[in-house]
Amino acid sequence: MNEFEQDVQSKRNDFIDSAVGFIVSFGFFATIFILAGVIKAIGS
């Protein structure tokens, strides 16, 4: 038996962590996209 299976450090659901990571990265790229659109609209 693996010794790390006996002493689990985090019992949180992995789905919550992956969902938060997806939302944060999506928000980051959406912010860049919106910012580029605003700069393009101002420049034209």
PDB file of N, CA and C in Angstrom:
ATOM      1  N   MET A   1       0.841  -1.181   0.000  1.00  0.00           N
ATOM      2  CA  MET A   1       0.000   0.000   0.000  1.00  0.00           C
ATOM      3  C   MET A   1       0.886   1.245   0.000  1.00  0.00           C
ATOM      4  N   ASN A   2       0.489   2.230  -0.776  1.00  0.00           N
ATOM      5  CA  ASN A   2       1.241   3.472  -0.857  1.00  0.00           C
ATOM      6  C   ASN A   2       1.075   4.260   0.435  1.00  0.00           C
ATOM      7  N   GLU A   3       2.204   4.739   0.996  1.00  0.00           N
ATOM      8  CA  GLU A   3       2.119   5.461   2.273  1.00  0.00           C
ATOM      9  C   GLU A   3       1.370   6.789   2.138  1.00  0.00           C
ATOM     10  N   PHE A   4       1.347   7.386   0.940  1.00  0.00           N
ATOM     11  CA  PHE A   4       0.671   8.670   0.771  1.00  0.00           C
ATOM     12  C   PHE A   4      -0.850   8.513   0.741  1.00  0.00           C
ATOM     13  N   GLU A   5      -1.328   7.303   0.457  1.00  0.00           N
ATOM     14  CA  GLU A   5      -2.773   7.076   0.478  1.00  0.00           C
ATOM     15  C   GLU A   5      -3.299   7.061   1.907  1.00  0.00           C
ATOM     16  N   GLN A   6      -2.427   6.791   2.868  1.00  0.00           N
ATOM     17  CA  GLN A   6      -2.849   6.762   4.266  1.00  0.00           C
ATOM     18  C   GLN A   6      -2.961   8.177   4.836  1.00  0.00           C
ATOM     19  N   ASP A   7      -2.058   9.075   4.416  1.00  0.00           N
ATOM     20  CA  ASP A   7      -2.002  10.430   4.982  1.00  0.00           C
ATOM     21  C   ASP A   7      -2.325  11.437   3.880  1.00  0.00           C
ATOM     22  N   VAL A   8      -3.606  11.635   3.627  1.00  0.00           N
ATOM     23  CA  VAL A   8      -4.037  12.553   2.582  1.00  0.00           C
ATOM     24  C   VAL A   8      -3.996  13.974   3.137  1.00  0.00           C
ATOM     25  N   GLN A   9      -3.327  14.882   2.410  1.00  0.00           N
ATOM     26  CA  GLN A   9      -3.202  16.246   2.903  1.00  0.00           C
ATOM     27  C   GLN A   9      -4.447  17.077   2.624  1.00  0.00           C
ATOM     28  N   SER A  10      -5.060  16.874   1.471  1.00  0.00           N
ATOM     29  CA  SER A  10      -6.219  17.681   1.101  1.00  0.00           C
ATOM     30  C   SER A  10      -7.376  16.765   0.735  1.00  0.00           C
ATOM     31  N   LYS A  11      -8.496  16.911   1.423  1.00  0.00           N
ATOM     32  CA  LYS A  11      -9.662  16.088   1.158  1.00  0.00           C
ATOM     33  C   LYS A  11     -10.703  16.845   0.338  1.00  0.00           C
ATOM     34  N   ARG A  12     -10.326  17.999  -0.203  1.00  0.00           N
ATOM     35  CA  ARG A  12     -11.266  18.790  -0.997  1.00  0.00           C
ATOM     36  C   ARG A  12     -11.563  18.106  -2.315  1.00  0.00           C
ATOM     37  N   ASN A  13     -12.703  18.486  -2.903  1.00  0.00           N
ATOM     38  CA  ASN A  13     -13.106  17.926  -4.182  1.00  0.00           C
ATOM     39  C   ASN A  13     -12.244  18.527  -5.288  1.00  0.00           C
ATOM     40  N   ASP A  14     -11.695  17.668  -6.152  1.00  0.00           N
ATOM     41  CA  ASP A  14     -10.841  18.146  -7.238  1.00  0.00           C
ATOM     42  C   ASP A  14     -11.634  18.938  -8.274  1.00  0.00           C
ATOM     43  N   PHE A  15     -12.924  18.658  -8.400  1.00  0.00           N
ATOM     44  CA  PHE A  15     -13.743  19.371  -9.388  1.00  0.00           C
ATOM     45  C   PHE A  15     -13.821  20.853  -9.070  1.00  0.00           C
ATOM     46  N   ILE A  16     -13.911  21.190  -7.786  1.00  0.00           N
ATOM     47  CA  ILE A  16     -13.986  22.601  -7.387  1.00  0.00           C
ATOM     48  C   ILE A  16     -12.699  23.321  -7.780  1.00  0.00           C
ATOM     49  N   ASP A  17     -11.556  22.682  -7.521  1.00  0.00           N
ATOM     50  CA  ASP A  17     -10.270  23.301  -7.855  1.00  0.00           C
ATOM     51  C   ASP A  17     -10.124  23.487  -9.361  1.00  0.00           C
ATOM     52  N   SER A  18     -10.521  22.485 -10.132  1.00  0.00           N
ATOM     53  CA  SER A  18     -10.388  22.599 -11.588  1.00  0.00           C
ATOM     54  C   SER A  18     -11.363  23.631 -12.142  1.00  0.00           C
ATOM     55  N   ALA A  19     -12.553  23.729 -11.560  1.00  0.00           N
ATOM     56  CA  ALA A  19     -13.526  24.729 -12.014  1.00  0.00           C
ATOM     57  C   ALA A  19     -13.027  26.134 -11.711  1.00  0.00           C
ATOM     58  N   VAL A  20     -12.450  26.334 -10.545  1.00  0.00           N
ATOM     59  CA  VAL A  20     -11.903  27.651 -10.193  1.00  0.00           C
ATOM     60  C   VAL A  20     -10.754  28.009 -11.124  1.00  0.00           C
ATOM     61  N   GLY A  21      -9.891  27.047 -11.413  1.00  0.00           N
ATOM     62  CA  GLY A  21      -8.779  27.304 -12.335  1.00  0.00           C
ATOM     63  C   GLY A  21      -9.269  27.649 -13.728  1.00  0.00           C
ATOM     64  N   PHE A  22     -10.310  26.952 -14.189  1.00  0.00           N
ATOM     65  CA  PHE A  22     -10.860  27.246 -15.512  1.00  0.00           C
ATOM     66  C   PHE A  22     -11.477  28.635 -15.551  1.00  0.00           C
ATOM     67  N   ILE A  23     -12.236  28.992 -14.519  1.00  0.00           N
ATOM     68  CA  ILE A  23     -12.905  30.302 -14.494  1.00  0.00           C
ATOM     69  C   ILE A  23     -11.882  31.430 -14.423  1.00  0.00           C
ATOM     70  N   VAL A  24     -10.836  31.246 -13.621  1.00  0.00           N
ATOM     71  CA  VAL A  24      -9.811  32.288 -13.496  1.00  0.00           C
ATOM     72  C   VAL A  24      -9.073  32.475 -14.817  1.00  0.00           C
ATOM     73  N   SER A  25      -8.694  31.372 -15.471  1.00  0.00           N
ATOM     74  CA  SER A  25      -7.974  31.505 -16.738  1.00  0.00           C
ATOM     75  C   SER A  25      -8.897  32.055 -17.823  1.00  0.00           C
ATOM     76  N   PHE A  26     -10.153  31.628 -17.826  1.00  0.00           N
ATOM     77  CA  PHE A  26     -11.107  32.159 -18.798  1.00  0.00           C
ATOM     78  C   PHE A  26     -11.313  33.660 -18.579  1.00  0.00           C
ATOM     79  N   GLY A  27     -11.433  34.073 -17.337  1.00  0.00           N
ATOM     80  CA  GLY A  27     -11.595  35.494 -17.019  1.00  0.00           C
ATOM     81  C   GLY A  27     -10.383  36.312 -17.435  1.00  0.00           C
ATOM     82  N   PHE A  28      -9.190  35.736 -17.275  1.00  0.00           N
ATOM     83  CA  PHE A  28      -7.976  36.441 -17.660  1.00  0.00           C
ATOM     84  C   PHE A  28      -7.940  36.682 -19.166  1.00  0.00           C
ATOM     85  N   PHE A  29      -8.202  35.629 -19.950  1.00  0.00           N
ATOM     86  CA  PHE A  29      -8.162  35.778 -21.394  1.00  0.00           C
ATOM     87  C   PHE A  29      -9.328  36.621 -21.917  1.00  0.00           C
ATOM     88  N   ALA A  30     -10.483  36.537 -21.263  1.00  0.00           N
ATOM     89  CA  ALA A  30     -11.614  37.376 -21.653  1.00  0.00           C
ATOM     90  C   ALA A  30     -11.299  38.851 -21.396  1.00  0.00           C
ATOM     91  N   THR A  31     -10.617  39.127 -20.296  1.00  0.00           N
ATOM     92  CA  THR A  31     -10.231  40.504 -19.992  1.00  0.00           C
ATOM     93  C   THR A  31      -9.265  41.035 -21.046  1.00  0.00           C
ATOM     94  N   ILE A  32      -8.289  40.230 -21.451  1.00  0.00           N
ATOM     95  CA  ILE A  32      -7.355  40.647 -22.498  1.00  0.00           C
ATOM     96  C   ILE A  32      -8.098  40.906 -23.807  1.00  0.00           C
ATOM     97  N   PHE A  33      -9.051  40.012 -24.138  1.00  0.00           N
ATOM     98  CA  PHE A  33      -9.821  40.159 -25.372  1.00  0.00           C
ATOM     99  C   PHE A  33     -10.647  41.442 -25.351  1.00  0.00           C
ATOM    100  N   ILE A  34     -11.314  41.708 -24.237  1.00  0.00           N
ATOM    101  CA  ILE A  34     -12.137  42.919 -24.122  1.00  0.00           C
ATOM    102  C   ILE A  34     -11.266  44.163 -24.174  1.00  0.00           C
ATOM    103  N   LEU A  35     -10.123  44.113 -23.504  1.00  0.00           N
ATOM    104  CA  LEU A  35      -9.206  45.255 -23.499  1.00  0.00           C
ATOM    105  C   LEU A  35      -8.701  45.541 -24.916  1.00  0.00           C
ATOM    106  N   ALA A  36      -8.382  44.483 -25.664  1.00  0.00           N
ATOM    107  CA  ALA A  36      -7.925  44.673 -27.041  1.00  0.00           C
ATOM    108  C   ALA A  36      -9.042  45.264 -27.901  1.00  0.00           C
ATOM    109  N   GLY A  37     -10.276  44.830 -27.681  1.00  0.00           N
ATOM    110  CA  GLY A  37     -11.397  45.393 -28.427  1.00  0.00           C
ATOM    111  C   GLY A  37     -11.616  46.858 -28.124  1.00  0.00           C
ATOM    112  N   VAL A  38     -11.475  47.227 -26.857  1.00  0.00           N
ATOM    113  CA  VAL A  38     -11.629  48.639 -26.468  1.00  0.00           C
ATOM    114  C   VAL A  38     -10.526  49.483 -27.074  1.00  0.00           C
ATOM    115  N   ILE A  39      -9.294  48.988 -27.040  1.00  0.00           N
ATOM    116  CA  ILE A  39      -8.168  49.747 -27.632  1.00  0.00           C
ATOM    117  C   ILE A  39      -8.354  49.885 -29.136  1.00  0.00           C
ATOM    118  N   LYS A  40      -8.847  48.822 -29.787  1.00  0.00           N
ATOM    119  CA  LYS A  40      -9.074  48.883 -31.235  1.00  0.00           C
ATOM    120  C   LYS A  40     -10.180  49.880 -31.553  1.00  0.00           C
ATOM    121  N   ALA A  41     -11.242  49.901 -30.735  1.00  0.00           N
ATOM    122  CA  ALA A  41     -12.356  50.826 -30.964  1.00  0.00           C
ATOM    123  C   ALA A  41     -11.927  52.280 -30.756  1.00  0.00           C
ATOM    124  N   ILE A  42     -11.079  52.507 -29.769  1.00  0.00           N
ATOM    125  CA  ILE A  42     -10.590  53.871 -29.509  1.00  0.00           C
ATOM    126  C   ILE A  42      -9.674  54.306 -30.639  1.00  0.00           C
ATOM    127  N   GLY A  43      -8.852  53.377 -31.133  1.00  0.00           N
ATOM    128  CA  GLY A  43      -7.871  53.731 -32.161  1.00  0.00           C
ATOM    129  C   GLY A  43      -8.482  54.002 -33.526  1.00  0.00           C
ATOM    130  N   SER A  44      -9.675  53.488 -33.772  1.00  0.00           N
ATOM    131  CA  SER A  44     -10.248  53.667 -35.119  1.00  0.00           C
ATOM    132  C   SER A  44     -11.131  54.893 -35.208  1.00  0.00           C
TER     133      SER A  44
END
